[in-house]
PDB file of N, CA and C in Angstrom:
ATOM      1  N   MET A   1    -115.301 130.363  55.237  1.00  0.00           N
ATOM      2  CA  MET A   1    -114.578 129.409  56.055  1.00  0.00           C
ATOM      3  C   MET A   1    -113.759 128.504  55.137  1.00  0.00           C
ATOM      4  N   ARG A   2    -112.516 128.367  55.453  1.00  0.00           N
ATOM      5  CA  ARG A   2    -111.628 127.528  54.655  1.00  0.00           C
ATOM      6  C   ARG A   2    -111.345 126.235  55.396  1.00  0.00           C
ATOM      7  N   LEU A   3    -111.252 125.170  54.624  1.00  0.00           N
ATOM      8  CA  LEU A   3    -110.917 123.869  55.185  1.00  0.00           C
ATOM      9  C   LEU A   3    -109.404 123.681  55.179  1.00  0.00           C
ATOM     10  N   PRO A   4    -108.879 122.900  56.126  1.00  0.00           N
ATOM     11  CA  PRO A   4    -107.455 122.570  56.056  1.00  0.00           C
ATOM     12  C   PRO A   4    -107.146 121.816  54.756  1.00  0.00           C
ATOM     13  N   LYS A   5    -105.947 121.994  54.243  1.00  0.00           N
ATOM     14  CA  LYS A   5    -105.592 121.445  52.932  1.00  0.00           C
ATOM     15  C   LYS A   5    -105.792 119.934  52.822  1.00  0.00           C
ATOM     16  N   PRO A   6    -105.400 119.103  53.812  1.00  0.00           N
ATOM     17  CA  PRO A   6    -105.622 117.662  53.656  1.00  0.00           C
ATOM     18  C   PRO A   6    -107.107 117.294  53.535  1.00  0.00           C
ATOM     19  N   ILE A   7    -107.953 117.981  54.273  1.00  0.00           N
ATOM     20  CA  ILE A   7    -109.391 117.714  54.200  1.00  0.00           C
ATOM     21  C   ILE A   7    -109.941 118.212  52.870  1.00  0.00           C
ATOM     22  N   TYR A   8    -109.484 119.377  52.440  1.00  0.00           N
ATOM     23  CA  TYR A   8    -109.932 119.959  51.175  1.00  0.00           C
ATOM     24  C   TYR A   8    -109.584 119.059  49.997  1.00  0.00           C
ATOM     25  N   GLU A   9    -108.387 118.486  50.010  1.00  0.00           N
ATOM     26  CA  GLU A   9    -107.961 117.631  48.912  1.00  0.00           C
ATOM     27  C   GLU A   9    -108.652 116.273  48.940  1.00  0.00           C
ATOM     28  N   ALA A  10    -108.995 115.760  50.111  1.00  0.00           N
ATOM     29  CA  ALA A  10    -109.586 114.426  50.221  1.00  0.00           C
ATOM     30  C   ALA A  10    -111.109 114.421  50.099  1.00  0.00           C
ATOM     31  N   LEU A  11    -111.745 115.566  50.218  1.00  0.00           N
ATOM     32  CA  LEU A  11    -113.207 115.634  50.242  1.00  0.00           C
ATOM     33  C   LEU A  11    -113.882 115.011  49.019  1.00  0.00           C
ATOM     34  N   PRO A  12    -113.482 115.317  47.784  1.00  0.00           N
ATOM     35  CA  PRO A  12    -114.171 114.704  46.637  1.00  0.00           C
ATOM     36  C   PRO A  12    -114.031 113.187  46.601  1.00  0.00           C
ATOM     37  N   PHE A  13    -112.856 112.685  46.976  1.00  0.00           N
ATOM     38  CA  PHE A  13    -112.649 111.237  46.974  1.00  0.00           C
ATOM     39  C   PHE A  13    -113.488 110.566  48.054  1.00  0.00           C
ATOM     40  N   PHE A  14    -113.627 111.240  49.192  1.00  0.00           N
ATOM     41  CA  PHE A  14    -114.490 110.723  50.247  1.00  0.00           C
ATOM     42  C   PHE A  14    -115.942 110.680  49.786  1.00  0.00           C
ATOM     43  N   LEU A  15    -116.380 111.726  49.106  1.00  0.00           N
ATOM     44  CA  LEU A  15    -117.758 111.765  48.614  1.00  0.00           C
ATOM     45  C   LEU A  15    -118.026 110.673  47.580  1.00  0.00           C
ATOM     46  N   VAL A  16    -117.104 110.484  46.640  1.00  0.00           N
ATOM     47  CA  VAL A  16    -117.286 109.442  45.626  1.00  0.00           C
ATOM     48  C   VAL A  16    -117.260 108.066  46.283  1.00  0.00           C
ATOM     49  N   GLY A  17    -116.369 107.861  47.226  1.00  0.00           N
ATOM     50  CA  GLY A  17    -116.295 106.568  47.918  1.00  0.00           C
ATOM     51  C   GLY A  17    -117.527 106.269  48.741  1.00  0.00           C
ATOM     52  N   SER A  18    -118.011 107.268  49.470  1.00  0.00           N
ATOM     53  CA  SER A  18    -119.215 107.040  50.267  1.00  0.00           C
ATOM     54  C   SER A  18    -120.441 106.869  49.366  1.00  0.00           C
ATOM     55  N   GLY A  19    -120.469 107.560  48.247  1.00  0.00           N
ATOM     56  CA  GLY A  19    -121.556 107.363  47.288  1.00  0.00           C
ATOM     57  C   GLY A  19    -121.556 105.957  46.725  1.00  0.00           C
ATOM     58  N   ALA A  20    -120.364 105.453  46.402  1.00  0.00           N
ATOM     59  CA  ALA A  20    -120.260 104.078  45.907  1.00  0.00           C
ATOM     60  C   ALA A  20    -120.698 103.087  46.973  1.00  0.00           C
ATOM     61  N   LEU A  21    -120.398 103.382  48.230  1.00  0.00           N
ATOM     62  CA  LEU A  21    -120.842 102.510  49.325  1.00  0.00           C
ATOM     63  C   LEU A  21    -122.362 102.508  49.440  1.00  0.00           C
ATOM     64  N   PHE A  22    -122.981 103.668  49.353  1.00  0.00           N
ATOM     65  CA  PHE A  22    -124.445 103.739  49.415  1.00  0.00           C
ATOM     66  C   PHE A  22    -125.089 102.998  48.249  1.00  0.00           C
ATOM     67  N   ILE A  23    -124.520 103.141  47.060  1.00  0.00           N
ATOM     68  CA  ILE A  23    -125.075 102.445  45.900  1.00  0.00           C
ATOM     69  C   ILE A  23    -124.921 100.934  46.065  1.00  0.00           C
ATOM     70  N   THR A  24    -123.789 100.504  46.608  1.00  0.00           N
ATOM     71  CA  THR A  24    -123.587  99.075  46.864  1.00  0.00           C
ATOM     72  C   THR A  24    -124.597  98.562  47.876  1.00  0.00           C
ATOM     73  N   LEU A  25    -124.861  99.340  48.910  1.00  0.00           N
ATOM     74  CA  LEU A  25    -125.871  98.937  49.890  1.00  0.00           C
ATOM     75  C   LEU A  25    -127.247  98.812  49.240  1.00  0.00           C
ATOM     76  N   ALA A  26    -127.550  99.718  48.335  1.00  0.00           N
ATOM     77  CA  ALA A  26    -128.843  99.658  47.655  1.00  0.00           C
ATOM     78  C   ALA A  26    -128.923  98.441  46.741  1.00  0.00           C
ATOM     79  N   LEU A  27    -127.812  98.089  46.097  1.00  0.00           N
ATOM     80  CA  LEU A  27    -127.820  96.933  45.203  1.00  0.00           C
ATOM     81  C   LEU A  27    -127.927  95.615  45.959  1.00  0.00           C
ATOM     82  N   LYS A  28    -127.369  95.567  47.166  1.00  0.00           N
ATOM     83  CA  LYS A  28    -127.431  94.343  47.969  1.00  0.00           C
ATOM     84  C   LYS A  28    -128.824  94.110  48.564  1.00  0.00           C
ATOM     85  N   ARG A  29    -129.613  95.179  48.638  1.00  0.00           N
ATOM     86  CA  ARG A  29    -130.992  95.128  49.144  1.00  0.00           C
ATOM     87  C   ARG A  29    -131.106  94.513  50.539  1.00  0.00           C
ATOM     88  N   TYR A  30    -130.384  95.114  51.471  1.00  0.00           N
ATOM     89  CA  TYR A  30    -130.518  94.695  52.866  1.00  0.00           C
ATOM     90  C   TYR A  30    -131.895  95.081  53.371  1.00  0.00           C
ATOM     91  N   GLU A  31    -132.423  94.317  54.311  1.00  0.00           N
ATOM     92  CA  GLU A  31    -133.779  94.548  54.807  1.00  0.00           C
ATOM     93  C   GLU A  31    -133.912  95.865  55.562  1.00  0.00           C
ATOM     94  N   TYR A  32    -132.858  96.283  56.222  1.00  0.00           N
ATOM     95  CA  TYR A  32    -132.937  97.470  57.070  1.00  0.00           C
ATOM     96  C   TYR A  32    -132.544  98.758  56.351  1.00  0.00           C
ATOM     97  N   VAL A  33    -132.254  98.694  55.066  1.00  0.00           N
ATOM     98  CA  VAL A  33    -131.837  99.876  54.317  1.00  0.00           C
ATOM     99  C   VAL A  33    -132.948 100.282  53.350  1.00  0.00           C
ATOM    100  N   PRO A  34    -133.481 101.501  53.479  1.00  0.00           N
ATOM    101  CA  PRO A  34    -134.477 101.959  52.492  1.00  0.00           C
ATOM    102  C   PRO A  34    -133.809 102.179  51.127  1.00  0.00           C
ATOM    103  N   THR A  35    -134.236 101.422  50.144  1.00  0.00           N
ATOM    104  CA  THR A  35    -133.528 101.350  48.872  1.00  0.00           C
ATOM    105  C   THR A  35    -133.533 102.664  48.103  1.00  0.00           C
ATOM    106  N   LEU A  36    -134.683 103.301  47.952  1.00  0.00           N
ATOM    107  CA  LEU A  36    -134.754 104.523  47.151  1.00  0.00           C
ATOM    108  C   LEU A  36    -133.916 105.639  47.762  1.00  0.00           C
ATOM    109  N   LEU A  37    -134.027 105.816  49.053  1.00  0.00           N
ATOM    110  CA  LEU A  37    -133.248 106.858  49.725  1.00  0.00           C
ATOM    111  C   LEU A  37    -131.753 106.576  49.605  1.00  0.00           C
ATOM    112  N   THR A  38    -131.368 105.331  49.720  1.00  0.00           N
ATOM    113  CA  THR A  38    -129.959 104.971  49.611  1.00  0.00           C
ATOM    114  C   THR A  38    -129.436 105.229  48.207  1.00  0.00           C
ATOM    115  N   TRP A  39    -130.235 104.912  47.185  1.00  0.00           N
ATOM    116  CA  TRP A  39    -129.851 105.212  45.805  1.00  0.00           C
ATOM    117  C   TRP A  39    -129.652 106.712  45.613  1.00  0.00           C
ATOM    118  N   LEU A  40    -130.603 107.498  46.109  1.00  0.00           N
ATOM    119  CA  LEU A  40    -130.524 108.949  45.931  1.00  0.00           C
ATOM    120  C   LEU A  40    -129.300 109.541  46.622  1.00  0.00           C
ATOM    121  N   ILE A  41    -129.040 109.097  47.840  1.00  0.00           N
ATOM    122  CA  ILE A  41    -127.873 109.593  48.568  1.00  0.00           C
ATOM    123  C   ILE A  41    -126.595 109.194  47.839  1.00  0.00           C
ATOM    124  N   GLY A  42    -126.531 107.953  47.373  1.00  0.00           N
ATOM    125  CA  GLY A  42    -125.347 107.471  46.669  1.00  0.00           C
ATOM    126  C   GLY A  42    -125.089 108.237  45.388  1.00  0.00           C
ATOM    127  N   ILE A  43    -126.117 108.417  44.587  1.00  0.00           N
ATOM    128  CA  ILE A  43    -125.955 109.147  43.321  1.00  0.00           C
ATOM    129  C   ILE A  43    -125.586 110.604  43.591  1.00  0.00           C
ATOM    130  N   PHE A  44    -126.212 111.210  44.596  1.00  0.00           N
ATOM    131  CA  PHE A  44    -125.902 112.597  44.941  1.00  0.00           C
ATOM    132  C   PHE A  44    -124.436 112.734  45.354  1.00  0.00           C
ATOM    133  N   CYS A  45    -123.963 111.844  46.218  1.00  0.00           N
ATOM    134  CA  CYS A  45    -122.571 111.930  46.680  1.00  0.00           C
ATOM    135  C   CYS A  45    -121.586 111.753  45.528  1.00  0.00           C
ATOM    136  N   VAL A  46    -121.846 110.784  44.655  1.00  0.00           N
ATOM    137  CA  VAL A  46    -120.946 110.563  43.526  1.00  0.00           C
ATOM    138  C   VAL A  46    -120.935 111.782  42.598  1.00  0.00           C
ATOM    139  N   LEU A  47    -122.109 112.311  42.284  1.00  0.00           N
ATOM    140  CA  LEU A  47    -122.173 113.459  41.386  1.00  0.00           C
ATOM    141  C   LEU A  47    -121.506 114.697  41.973  1.00  0.00           C
ATOM    142  N   VAL A  48    -121.731 114.954  43.253  1.00  0.00           N
ATOM    143  CA  VAL A  48    -121.111 116.129  43.887  1.00  0.00           C
ATOM    144  C   VAL A  48    -119.597 115.962  43.952  1.00  0.00           C
ATOM    145  N   GLY A  49    -119.134 114.757  44.280  1.00  0.00           N
ATOM    146  CA  GLY A  49    -117.692 114.516  44.307  1.00  0.00           C
ATOM    147  C   GLY A  49    -117.051 114.722  42.957  1.00  0.00           C
ATOM    148  N   LEU A  50    -117.684 114.200  41.901  1.00  0.00           N
ATOM    149  CA  LEU A  50    -117.144 114.382  40.551  1.00  0.00           C
ATOM    150  C   LEU A  50    -117.228 115.838  40.109  1.00  0.00           C
ATOM    151  N   LEU A  51    -118.283 116.537  40.510  1.00  0.00           N
ATOM    152  CA  LEU A  51    -118.408 117.955  40.176  1.00  0.00           C
ATOM    153  C   LEU A  51    -117.293 118.763  40.831  1.00  0.00           C
ATOM    154  N   ILE A  52    -117.008 118.493  42.090  1.00  0.00           N
ATOM    155  CA  ILE A  52    -115.933 119.203  42.788  1.00  0.00           C
ATOM    156  C   ILE A  52    -114.592 118.928  42.123  1.00  0.00           C
ATOM    157  N   LEU A  53    -114.348 117.661  41.765  1.00  0.00           N
ATOM    158  CA  LEU A  53    -113.096 117.329  41.086  1.00  0.00           C
ATOM    159  C   LEU A  53    -112.977 118.044  39.745  1.00  0.00           C
ATOM    160  N   THR A  54    -114.067 118.104  38.997  1.00  0.00           N
ATOM    161  CA  THR A  54    -114.046 118.757  37.690  1.00  0.00           C
ATOM    162  C   THR A  54    -113.810 120.257  37.823  1.00  0.00           C
ATOM    163  N   ILE A  55    -114.515 120.901  38.730  1.00  0.00           N
ATOM    164  CA  ILE A  55    -114.339 122.338  38.937  1.00  0.00           C
ATOM    165  C   ILE A  55    -112.913 122.643  39.389  1.00  0.00           C
ATOM    166  N   ARG A  56    -112.396 121.832  40.275  1.00  0.00           N
ATOM    167  CA  ARG A  56    -111.029 122.033  40.756  1.00  0.00           C
ATOM    168  C   ARG A  56    -110.019 121.851  39.630  1.00  0.00           C
ATOM    169  N   LEU A  57    -110.228 120.843  38.779  1.00  0.00           N
ATOM    170  CA  LEU A  57    -109.320 120.607  37.659  1.00  0.00           C
ATOM    171  C   LEU A  57    -109.341 121.766  36.669  1.00  0.00           C
ATOM    172  N   ILE A  58    -110.528 122.245  36.329  1.00  0.00           N
ATOM    173  CA  ILE A  58    -110.639 123.373  35.399  1.00  0.00           C
ATOM    174  C   ILE A  58    -109.959 124.618  35.966  1.00  0.00           C
ATOM    175  N   TYR A  59    -110.168 124.890  37.248  1.00  0.00           N
ATOM    176  CA  TYR A  59    -109.543 126.061  37.869  1.00  0.00           C
ATOM    177  C   TYR A  59    -108.019 125.942  37.845  1.00  0.00           C
ATOM    178  N   ARG A  60    -107.500 124.750  38.147  1.00  0.00           N
ATOM    179  CA  ARG A  60    -106.049 124.584  38.177  1.00  0.00           C
ATOM    180  C   ARG A  60    -105.443 124.688  36.782  1.00  0.00           C
ATOM    181  N   ILE A  61    -106.143 124.190  35.770  1.00  0.00           N
ATOM    182  CA  ILE A  61    -105.646 124.315  34.402  1.00  0.00           C
ATOM    183  C   ILE A  61    -105.628 125.786  33.977  1.00  0.00           C
ATOM    184  N   LYS A  62    -106.706 126.531  34.295  1.00  0.00           N
ATOM    185  CA  LYS A  62    -106.753 127.955  33.947  1.00  0.00           C
ATOM    186  C   LYS A  62    -105.667 128.741  34.668  1.00  0.00           C
ATOM    187  N   SER A  63    -105.445 128.444  35.936  1.00  0.00           N
ATOM    188  CA  SER A  63    -104.435 129.204  36.672  1.00  0.00           C
ATOM    189  C   SER A  63    -103.032 128.905  36.159  1.00  0.00           C
ATOM    190  N   ARG A  64    -102.780 127.683  35.697  1.00  0.00           N
ATOM    191  CA  ARG A  64    -101.475 127.365  35.117  1.00  0.00           C
ATOM    192  C   ARG A  64    -101.256 128.085  33.800  1.00  0.00           C
ATOM    193  N   THR A  65    -102.287 128.145  32.967  1.00  0.00           N
ATOM    194  CA  THR A  65    -102.128 128.810  31.668  1.00  0.00           C
ATOM    195  C   THR A  65    -101.987 130.322  31.842  1.00  0.00           C
ATOM    196  N   GLU A  66    -102.614 130.889  32.844  1.00  0.00           N
ATOM    197  CA  GLU A  66    -102.465 132.327  33.103  1.00  0.00           C
ATOM    198  C   GLU A  66    -101.083 132.653  33.621  1.00  0.00           C
ATOM    199  N   GLU A  67    -100.489 131.736  34.410  1.00  0.00           N
ATOM    200  CA  GLU A  67     -99.151 131.970  34.918  1.00  0.00           C
ATOM    201  C   GLU A  67     -98.108 131.888  33.811  1.00  0.00           C
ATOM    202  N   ASP A  68     -98.349 131.020  32.837  1.00  0.00           N
ATOM    203  CA  ASP A  68     -97.391 130.849  31.742  1.00  0.00           C
ATOM    204  C   ASP A  68     -97.400 132.046  30.782  1.00  0.00           C
ATOM    205  N   GLY A  69     -98.475 132.745  30.753  1.00  0.00           N
ATOM    206  CA  GLY A  69     -98.491 133.952  29.938  1.00  0.00           C
ATOM    207  C   GLY A  69     -99.475 133.864  28.879  1.00  0.00           C
TER     208      GLY A  69
END
């Protein structure tokens, strides 16, 4: 299944942003937010977003160098 291009391009930034939001919620220590779970979700989202960006960057660099010869 393929995602539409605007969603595909925005997904890593959305993940990093939502991860940063979860980490901020954990740092503020609101009474209704379970801290450990919020930390884990935040770190997971940030790491997955950065991983997707890195994999995408490496693929695009390789495809450009292959096209150049």
